N, C-alpha and C. Protein backbone atom coordinates (compact mmCIF):
# COMPACT_ATOMS: atom_id res chain seq x y z
N UNK A 1 160.72 -84.15 -59.08
CA UNK A 1 161.07 -83.19 -58.06
C UNK A 1 159.98 -82.12 -58.00
N UNK A 2 159.50 -81.85 -56.79
CA UNK A 2 158.50 -80.81 -56.59
C UNK A 2 159.19 -79.46 -56.53
N UNK A 3 158.56 -78.46 -57.11
CA UNK A 3 159.09 -77.10 -57.09
C UNK A 3 157.97 -76.15 -56.71
N UNK A 4 158.16 -75.48 -55.58
CA UNK A 4 157.16 -74.55 -55.08
C UNK A 4 157.80 -73.17 -54.99
N UNK A 5 157.09 -72.17 -55.50
CA UNK A 5 157.55 -70.78 -55.41
C UNK A 5 156.42 -69.94 -54.87
N UNK A 6 156.71 -69.20 -53.80
CA UNK A 6 155.73 -68.33 -53.17
C UNK A 6 156.39 -67.00 -52.85
N UNK A 7 155.60 -65.96 -52.71
CA UNK A 7 156.09 -64.65 -52.30
C UNK A 7 155.10 -64.05 -51.33
N UNK A 8 155.61 -63.14 -50.50
CA UNK A 8 154.75 -62.40 -49.58
C UNK A 8 155.29 -60.99 -49.47
N UNK A 9 154.40 -60.01 -49.48
CA UNK A 9 154.77 -58.61 -49.25
C UNK A 9 154.61 -58.33 -47.77
N UNK A 10 155.63 -57.71 -47.20
CA UNK A 10 155.65 -57.41 -45.77
C UNK A 10 155.82 -55.91 -45.60
N UNK A 11 154.94 -55.31 -44.83
CA UNK A 11 154.99 -53.87 -44.60
C UNK A 11 155.92 -53.59 -43.42
N UNK A 12 157.19 -53.83 -43.67
CA UNK A 12 158.26 -53.58 -42.70
C UNK A 12 159.55 -53.42 -43.50
N UNK A 13 160.50 -52.66 -42.98
CA UNK A 13 161.76 -52.46 -43.72
C UNK A 13 162.51 -53.77 -43.92
N UNK A 14 163.26 -53.84 -45.01
CA UNK A 14 163.99 -55.07 -45.33
C UNK A 14 164.98 -55.46 -44.23
N UNK A 15 165.61 -54.48 -43.58
CA UNK A 15 166.57 -54.84 -42.52
C UNK A 15 165.86 -55.50 -41.34
N UNK A 16 164.62 -55.10 -41.05
CA UNK A 16 163.86 -55.74 -39.98
C UNK A 16 163.47 -57.16 -40.38
N UNK A 17 162.99 -57.32 -41.62
CA UNK A 17 162.63 -58.65 -42.11
C UNK A 17 163.86 -59.56 -42.10
N UNK A 18 164.98 -59.03 -42.56
CA UNK A 18 166.23 -59.80 -42.57
C UNK A 18 166.67 -60.25 -41.20
N UNK A 19 166.29 -59.51 -40.17
CA UNK A 19 166.68 -59.88 -38.80
C UNK A 19 166.02 -61.19 -38.35
N UNK A 20 165.00 -61.65 -39.04
CA UNK A 20 164.35 -62.91 -38.70
C UNK A 20 165.01 -64.11 -39.39
N UNK A 21 166.06 -63.86 -40.16
CA UNK A 21 166.78 -64.92 -40.85
C UNK A 21 168.13 -65.18 -40.18
N UNK A 22 168.06 -65.39 -38.87
CA UNK A 22 169.22 -65.81 -38.08
C UNK A 22 168.76 -66.99 -37.24
N UNK A 23 169.68 -67.88 -36.86
CA UNK A 23 169.27 -69.13 -36.19
C UNK A 23 168.39 -68.93 -34.96
N UNK A 24 168.66 -67.92 -34.15
CA UNK A 24 167.90 -67.77 -32.91
C UNK A 24 166.51 -67.19 -33.13
N UNK A 25 166.22 -66.58 -34.30
CA UNK A 25 164.89 -66.01 -34.54
C UNK A 25 164.05 -66.81 -35.52
N UNK A 26 164.65 -67.66 -36.33
CA UNK A 26 163.85 -68.41 -37.32
C UNK A 26 162.77 -69.27 -36.68
N UNK A 27 163.01 -69.91 -35.52
CA UNK A 27 161.94 -70.73 -34.94
C UNK A 27 160.67 -69.95 -34.59
N UNK A 28 160.74 -68.61 -34.51
CA UNK A 28 159.54 -67.82 -34.24
C UNK A 28 158.53 -67.91 -35.39
N UNK A 29 159.02 -68.19 -36.60
CA UNK A 29 158.11 -68.23 -37.74
C UNK A 29 158.29 -69.47 -38.61
N UNK A 30 159.46 -70.07 -38.65
CA UNK A 30 159.73 -71.23 -39.51
C UNK A 30 159.53 -72.51 -38.71
N UNK A 31 158.65 -73.36 -39.17
CA UNK A 31 158.44 -74.66 -38.53
C UNK A 31 157.68 -74.60 -37.22
N UNK A 32 156.91 -73.54 -37.00
CA UNK A 32 156.13 -73.44 -35.76
C UNK A 32 155.12 -74.57 -35.64
N UNK A 33 154.63 -75.07 -36.77
CA UNK A 33 153.65 -76.16 -36.74
C UNK A 33 154.21 -77.39 -36.02
N UNK A 34 155.53 -77.52 -36.04
CA UNK A 34 156.15 -78.68 -35.39
C UNK A 34 156.97 -78.29 -34.18
N UNK A 35 156.76 -77.06 -33.67
CA UNK A 35 157.49 -76.58 -32.50
C UNK A 35 158.99 -76.81 -32.68
N UNK A 36 159.52 -76.27 -33.77
CA UNK A 36 160.91 -76.55 -34.15
C UNK A 36 161.92 -75.86 -33.24
N UNK A 37 163.07 -76.49 -33.16
CA UNK A 37 164.22 -75.87 -32.51
C UNK A 37 165.43 -76.09 -33.42
N UNK A 38 166.31 -75.11 -33.43
CA UNK A 38 167.49 -75.14 -34.29
C UNK A 38 168.72 -75.47 -33.46
N UNK A 39 169.51 -76.41 -33.95
CA UNK A 39 170.80 -76.72 -33.36
C UNK A 39 171.83 -76.37 -34.43
N UNK A 40 172.63 -75.36 -34.15
CA UNK A 40 173.54 -74.82 -35.16
C UNK A 40 174.97 -75.25 -34.85
N UNK A 41 175.66 -75.72 -35.87
CA UNK A 41 177.04 -76.14 -35.74
C UNK A 41 177.88 -75.04 -35.09
N UNK A 42 178.66 -75.42 -34.13
CA UNK A 42 179.55 -74.50 -33.39
C UNK A 42 178.78 -73.39 -32.68
N UNK A 43 177.46 -73.55 -32.51
CA UNK A 43 176.66 -72.56 -31.79
C UNK A 43 176.64 -71.20 -32.45
N UNK A 44 176.86 -71.15 -33.74
CA UNK A 44 176.94 -69.88 -34.47
C UNK A 44 175.65 -69.08 -34.34
N UNK A 45 175.79 -67.77 -34.24
CA UNK A 45 174.62 -66.89 -34.17
C UNK A 45 174.24 -66.34 -35.54
N UNK A 46 175.05 -66.60 -36.55
CA UNK A 46 174.79 -66.16 -37.93
C UNK A 46 174.89 -67.36 -38.85
N UNK A 47 174.12 -67.34 -39.91
CA UNK A 47 174.29 -68.33 -40.95
C UNK A 47 175.52 -67.96 -41.77
N UNK A 48 176.12 -68.96 -42.39
CA UNK A 48 177.22 -68.73 -43.32
C UNK A 48 177.33 -69.97 -44.21
N UNK A 49 177.80 -69.81 -45.44
CA UNK A 49 177.92 -70.97 -46.32
C UNK A 49 178.76 -72.07 -45.67
N UNK A 50 178.27 -73.29 -45.79
CA UNK A 50 178.94 -74.45 -45.24
C UNK A 50 178.48 -74.82 -43.84
N UNK A 51 177.75 -73.94 -43.17
CA UNK A 51 177.29 -74.19 -41.81
C UNK A 51 176.20 -75.26 -41.81
N UNK A 52 176.28 -76.20 -40.88
CA UNK A 52 175.25 -77.23 -40.74
C UNK A 52 174.26 -76.81 -39.67
N UNK A 53 172.98 -77.03 -39.97
CA UNK A 53 171.90 -76.70 -39.06
C UNK A 53 171.01 -77.94 -38.93
N UNK A 54 170.74 -78.34 -37.71
CA UNK A 54 169.81 -79.45 -37.47
C UNK A 54 168.54 -78.84 -36.91
N UNK A 55 167.42 -79.16 -37.55
CA UNK A 55 166.13 -78.64 -37.11
C UNK A 55 165.32 -79.84 -36.63
N UNK A 56 164.86 -79.76 -35.40
CA UNK A 56 164.15 -80.86 -34.76
C UNK A 56 162.79 -80.35 -34.29
N UNK A 57 161.77 -81.18 -34.42
CA UNK A 57 160.45 -80.81 -33.95
C UNK A 57 159.56 -82.02 -33.80
N UNK A 58 158.33 -81.78 -33.42
CA UNK A 58 157.33 -82.83 -33.23
C UNK A 58 156.20 -82.65 -34.24
N UNK A 59 155.82 -83.73 -34.89
CA UNK A 59 154.62 -83.76 -35.73
C UNK A 59 153.78 -84.89 -35.16
N UNK A 60 152.61 -84.53 -34.65
CA UNK A 60 151.81 -85.45 -33.83
C UNK A 60 152.68 -85.86 -32.66
N UNK A 61 152.95 -87.14 -32.52
CA UNK A 61 153.81 -87.58 -31.42
C UNK A 61 155.16 -88.06 -31.91
N UNK A 62 155.45 -87.80 -33.17
CA UNK A 62 156.71 -88.24 -33.75
C UNK A 62 157.72 -87.11 -33.81
N UNK A 63 158.97 -87.45 -33.49
CA UNK A 63 160.03 -86.47 -33.66
C UNK A 63 160.47 -86.48 -35.12
N UNK A 64 160.58 -85.31 -35.68
CA UNK A 64 161.00 -85.14 -37.06
C UNK A 64 162.25 -84.29 -37.03
N UNK A 65 163.22 -84.64 -37.85
CA UNK A 65 164.42 -83.81 -37.90
C UNK A 65 164.93 -83.72 -39.33
N UNK A 66 165.61 -82.64 -39.59
CA UNK A 66 166.29 -82.49 -40.87
C UNK A 66 167.62 -81.81 -40.62
N UNK A 67 168.55 -82.11 -41.49
CA UNK A 67 169.85 -81.47 -41.46
C UNK A 67 169.96 -80.64 -42.71
N UNK A 68 170.31 -79.37 -42.53
CA UNK A 68 170.48 -78.45 -43.65
C UNK A 68 171.92 -77.95 -43.66
N UNK A 69 172.44 -77.76 -44.85
CA UNK A 69 173.76 -77.15 -45.03
C UNK A 69 173.54 -75.85 -45.80
N UNK A 70 173.94 -74.75 -45.19
CA UNK A 70 173.76 -73.44 -45.82
C UNK A 70 174.65 -73.37 -47.06
N UNK A 71 174.05 -73.07 -48.19
CA UNK A 71 174.80 -72.98 -49.45
C UNK A 71 175.00 -71.54 -49.91
N UNK A 72 174.16 -70.62 -49.41
CA UNK A 72 174.33 -69.19 -49.74
C UNK A 72 173.70 -68.37 -48.63
N UNK A 73 174.38 -67.28 -48.29
CA UNK A 73 173.84 -66.38 -47.27
C UNK A 73 174.39 -64.98 -47.50
N UNK A 74 173.47 -64.04 -47.59
CA UNK A 74 173.80 -62.62 -47.63
C UNK A 74 172.89 -61.98 -46.60
N UNK A 75 173.48 -61.50 -45.54
CA UNK A 75 172.69 -60.98 -44.42
C UNK A 75 171.63 -59.98 -44.90
N UNK A 76 170.38 -60.25 -44.52
CA UNK A 76 169.28 -59.36 -44.87
C UNK A 76 168.81 -59.45 -46.30
N UNK A 77 169.39 -60.37 -47.11
CA UNK A 77 169.00 -60.50 -48.51
C UNK A 77 168.68 -61.92 -48.95
N UNK A 78 169.46 -62.89 -48.49
CA UNK A 78 169.35 -64.24 -49.05
C UNK A 78 169.77 -65.29 -48.03
N UNK A 79 168.98 -66.35 -47.94
CA UNK A 79 169.35 -67.56 -47.21
C UNK A 79 168.95 -68.73 -48.09
N UNK A 80 169.90 -69.63 -48.30
CA UNK A 80 169.63 -70.84 -49.09
C UNK A 80 170.31 -72.01 -48.40
N UNK A 81 169.59 -73.14 -48.32
CA UNK A 81 170.22 -74.34 -47.79
C UNK A 81 169.73 -75.57 -48.52
N UNK A 82 170.55 -76.60 -48.50
CA UNK A 82 170.18 -77.93 -48.98
C UNK A 82 169.89 -78.75 -47.74
N UNK A 83 168.87 -79.60 -47.83
CA UNK A 83 168.47 -80.35 -46.64
C UNK A 83 168.19 -81.81 -46.98
N UNK A 84 168.19 -82.60 -45.93
CA UNK A 84 167.76 -83.99 -45.99
C UNK A 84 167.09 -84.27 -44.65
N UNK A 85 165.88 -84.86 -44.70
CA UNK A 85 165.20 -85.12 -43.43
C UNK A 85 165.33 -86.59 -43.03
N UNK A 86 164.77 -86.90 -41.87
CA UNK A 86 164.91 -88.24 -41.31
C UNK A 86 164.16 -89.30 -42.11
N UNK A 87 163.32 -88.90 -43.06
CA UNK A 87 162.60 -89.85 -43.92
C UNK A 87 163.22 -89.98 -45.31
N UNK A 88 164.34 -89.31 -45.54
CA UNK A 88 165.02 -89.40 -46.82
C UNK A 88 164.59 -88.35 -47.84
N UNK A 89 163.72 -87.43 -47.46
CA UNK A 89 163.32 -86.34 -48.35
C UNK A 89 164.49 -85.36 -48.40
N UNK A 90 164.88 -84.98 -49.61
CA UNK A 90 166.00 -84.04 -49.74
C UNK A 90 165.61 -82.94 -50.71
N UNK A 91 166.29 -81.81 -50.59
CA UNK A 91 165.99 -80.71 -51.49
C UNK A 91 166.71 -79.44 -51.14
N UNK A 92 166.13 -78.34 -51.57
CA UNK A 92 166.71 -77.02 -51.41
C UNK A 92 165.59 -76.05 -51.02
N UNK A 93 165.90 -75.16 -50.09
CA UNK A 93 164.99 -74.07 -49.76
C UNK A 93 165.79 -72.78 -49.84
N UNK A 94 165.15 -71.74 -50.35
CA UNK A 94 165.81 -70.43 -50.36
C UNK A 94 164.77 -69.35 -50.13
N UNK A 95 165.23 -68.29 -49.47
CA UNK A 95 164.42 -67.11 -49.21
C UNK A 95 165.22 -65.91 -49.68
N UNK A 96 164.63 -65.11 -50.53
CA UNK A 96 165.29 -63.90 -51.00
C UNK A 96 164.42 -62.71 -50.60
N UNK A 97 165.05 -61.69 -50.03
CA UNK A 97 164.34 -60.51 -49.55
C UNK A 97 164.68 -59.36 -50.49
N UNK A 98 163.63 -58.74 -51.03
CA UNK A 98 163.87 -57.57 -51.88
C UNK A 98 163.09 -56.38 -51.34
N UNK A 99 163.64 -55.20 -51.56
CA UNK A 99 162.98 -53.97 -51.14
C UNK A 99 161.88 -53.64 -52.14
N UNK A 100 160.70 -53.32 -51.62
CA UNK A 100 159.57 -52.90 -52.44
C UNK A 100 158.99 -51.67 -51.76
N UNK A 101 159.29 -50.49 -52.31
CA UNK A 101 158.87 -49.25 -51.66
C UNK A 101 159.50 -49.15 -50.29
N UNK A 102 158.67 -48.92 -49.27
CA UNK A 102 159.16 -48.84 -47.89
C UNK A 102 159.14 -50.21 -47.21
N UNK A 103 158.68 -51.23 -47.93
CA UNK A 103 158.55 -52.56 -47.35
C UNK A 103 159.46 -53.57 -48.00
N UNK A 104 159.09 -54.83 -47.85
CA UNK A 104 159.91 -55.93 -48.36
C UNK A 104 159.02 -56.97 -49.03
N UNK A 105 159.60 -57.69 -49.94
CA UNK A 105 158.96 -58.87 -50.54
C UNK A 105 159.91 -60.04 -50.32
N UNK A 106 159.36 -61.12 -49.78
CA UNK A 106 160.16 -62.32 -49.55
C UNK A 106 159.72 -63.36 -50.56
N UNK A 107 160.69 -63.87 -51.31
CA UNK A 107 160.46 -64.94 -52.28
C UNK A 107 160.97 -66.25 -51.67
N UNK A 108 160.11 -67.24 -51.62
CA UNK A 108 160.48 -68.56 -51.12
C UNK A 108 160.52 -69.53 -52.29
N UNK A 109 161.59 -70.29 -52.36
CA UNK A 109 161.68 -71.39 -53.34
C UNK A 109 161.92 -72.66 -52.53
N UNK A 110 161.10 -73.64 -52.74
CA UNK A 110 161.18 -74.91 -52.02
C UNK A 110 161.16 -76.02 -53.06
N UNK A 111 162.26 -76.71 -53.19
CA UNK A 111 162.38 -77.83 -54.14
C UNK A 111 162.77 -79.06 -53.34
N UNK A 112 162.06 -80.15 -53.55
CA UNK A 112 162.37 -81.35 -52.79
C UNK A 112 162.00 -82.59 -53.60
N UNK A 113 162.54 -83.71 -53.17
CA UNK A 113 162.25 -84.98 -53.82
C UNK A 113 162.02 -86.04 -52.76
N UNK A 114 160.93 -86.76 -52.91
CA UNK A 114 160.60 -87.87 -52.02
C UNK A 114 161.33 -89.11 -52.53
N UNK A 115 161.82 -89.96 -51.64
CA UNK A 115 162.52 -91.16 -52.08
C UNK A 115 161.55 -92.23 -52.60
N UNK A 116 161.99 -92.96 -53.59
CA UNK A 116 161.23 -94.10 -54.10
C UNK A 116 160.06 -93.75 -54.99
N UNK A 117 159.60 -94.73 -55.73
CA UNK A 117 158.47 -94.55 -56.64
C UNK A 117 157.18 -94.24 -55.89
N UNK A 118 156.92 -94.98 -54.81
CA UNK A 118 155.72 -94.72 -54.03
C UNK A 118 155.77 -93.33 -53.40
N UNK A 119 156.95 -92.91 -52.96
CA UNK A 119 157.11 -91.58 -52.40
C UNK A 119 156.77 -90.50 -53.40
N UNK A 120 157.22 -90.69 -54.63
CA UNK A 120 156.92 -89.70 -55.68
C UNK A 120 155.43 -89.66 -56.01
N UNK A 121 154.77 -90.82 -56.01
CA UNK A 121 153.32 -90.85 -56.23
C UNK A 121 152.58 -90.18 -55.07
N UNK A 122 152.99 -90.50 -53.85
CA UNK A 122 152.39 -89.90 -52.66
C UNK A 122 152.57 -88.38 -52.69
N UNK A 123 153.74 -87.95 -53.13
CA UNK A 123 154.02 -86.52 -53.20
C UNK A 123 153.06 -85.83 -54.16
N UNK A 124 152.91 -86.36 -55.35
CA UNK A 124 152.02 -85.73 -56.33
C UNK A 124 150.57 -85.73 -55.87
N UNK A 125 150.16 -86.81 -55.21
CA UNK A 125 148.76 -86.93 -54.79
C UNK A 125 148.44 -86.09 -53.56
N UNK A 126 149.37 -86.03 -52.60
CA UNK A 126 149.04 -85.42 -51.31
C UNK A 126 150.04 -84.38 -50.81
N UNK A 127 151.31 -84.69 -50.87
CA UNK A 127 152.31 -83.89 -50.16
C UNK A 127 152.53 -82.51 -50.74
N UNK A 128 152.53 -82.35 -52.07
CA UNK A 128 152.79 -81.03 -52.63
C UNK A 128 151.79 -80.00 -52.11
N UNK A 129 150.54 -80.39 -52.01
CA UNK A 129 149.53 -79.48 -51.47
C UNK A 129 149.84 -79.14 -50.01
N UNK A 130 150.21 -80.16 -49.22
CA UNK A 130 150.50 -79.95 -47.80
C UNK A 130 151.75 -79.10 -47.62
N UNK A 131 152.77 -79.32 -48.42
CA UNK A 131 154.01 -78.55 -48.32
C UNK A 131 153.76 -77.10 -48.72
N UNK A 132 153.01 -76.89 -49.78
CA UNK A 132 152.67 -75.53 -50.21
C UNK A 132 151.89 -74.80 -49.10
N UNK A 133 150.94 -75.48 -48.48
CA UNK A 133 150.16 -74.88 -47.40
C UNK A 133 151.05 -74.56 -46.19
N UNK A 134 151.96 -75.46 -45.85
CA UNK A 134 152.89 -75.21 -44.74
C UNK A 134 153.79 -74.03 -45.04
N UNK A 135 154.33 -73.97 -46.26
CA UNK A 135 155.19 -72.85 -46.65
C UNK A 135 154.42 -71.53 -46.59
N UNK A 136 153.17 -71.54 -47.02
CA UNK A 136 152.35 -70.33 -46.98
C UNK A 136 152.13 -69.90 -45.52
N UNK A 137 151.84 -70.86 -44.63
CA UNK A 137 151.66 -70.53 -43.21
C UNK A 137 152.93 -69.93 -42.62
N UNK A 138 154.09 -70.50 -42.97
CA UNK A 138 155.36 -69.96 -42.47
C UNK A 138 155.57 -68.53 -42.95
N UNK A 139 155.32 -68.28 -44.23
CA UNK A 139 155.49 -66.91 -44.75
C UNK A 139 154.49 -65.95 -44.11
N UNK A 140 153.27 -66.39 -43.93
CA UNK A 140 152.26 -65.53 -43.29
C UNK A 140 152.66 -65.23 -41.84
N UNK A 141 153.22 -66.21 -41.15
CA UNK A 141 153.68 -66.00 -39.77
C UNK A 141 154.86 -65.02 -39.75
N UNK A 142 155.77 -65.14 -40.71
CA UNK A 142 156.88 -64.19 -40.82
C UNK A 142 156.33 -62.78 -41.04
N UNK A 143 155.35 -62.64 -41.92
CA UNK A 143 154.74 -61.35 -42.20
C UNK A 143 154.13 -60.75 -40.94
N UNK A 144 153.31 -61.52 -40.23
CA UNK A 144 152.67 -61.02 -39.00
C UNK A 144 153.72 -60.61 -37.96
N UNK A 145 154.73 -61.45 -37.80
CA UNK A 145 155.75 -61.19 -36.78
C UNK A 145 156.54 -59.93 -37.12
N UNK A 146 156.98 -59.80 -38.37
CA UNK A 146 157.77 -58.64 -38.78
C UNK A 146 156.94 -57.36 -38.72
N UNK A 147 155.68 -57.43 -39.14
CA UNK A 147 154.84 -56.23 -39.13
C UNK A 147 154.51 -55.78 -37.70
N UNK A 148 154.43 -56.71 -36.77
CA UNK A 148 154.19 -56.33 -35.37
C UNK A 148 155.39 -55.58 -34.80
N UNK A 149 156.59 -55.97 -35.24
CA UNK A 149 157.82 -55.35 -34.74
C UNK A 149 158.11 -54.03 -35.43
N UNK A 150 157.56 -53.86 -36.65
CA UNK A 150 157.88 -52.69 -37.47
C UNK A 150 157.13 -51.47 -37.19
């Protein structure tokens, strides 16, 4: 199982950063590389434990999708979900927001497992680097977006 942990300091208040962790605003920074869109169970405007979220996007010319189930949510502090994508990759992602002075620090934890022996070899050789780079781009985009609004 791959385990990635990253953090970013954002020069914006925690309540502003937390406002980007709702279904209608996450596509502004999460999954932009694949032009993601969120389909939320019952059309909910807030995350809550047990809520299912389907995230769909394009990578090259292929449609990619994953289904996530929110396992923990504290508005403006924590979002955690378990996911499984259309290729059988499953795992957990969480974002925790902490106050640091007048700003915020966002901690990302991304744990996932590729299916099969070849998948695990491919992951160690290539995917972990790509996933870490994608996660860093998402956090950097969140930082830019929140700081522009702040």
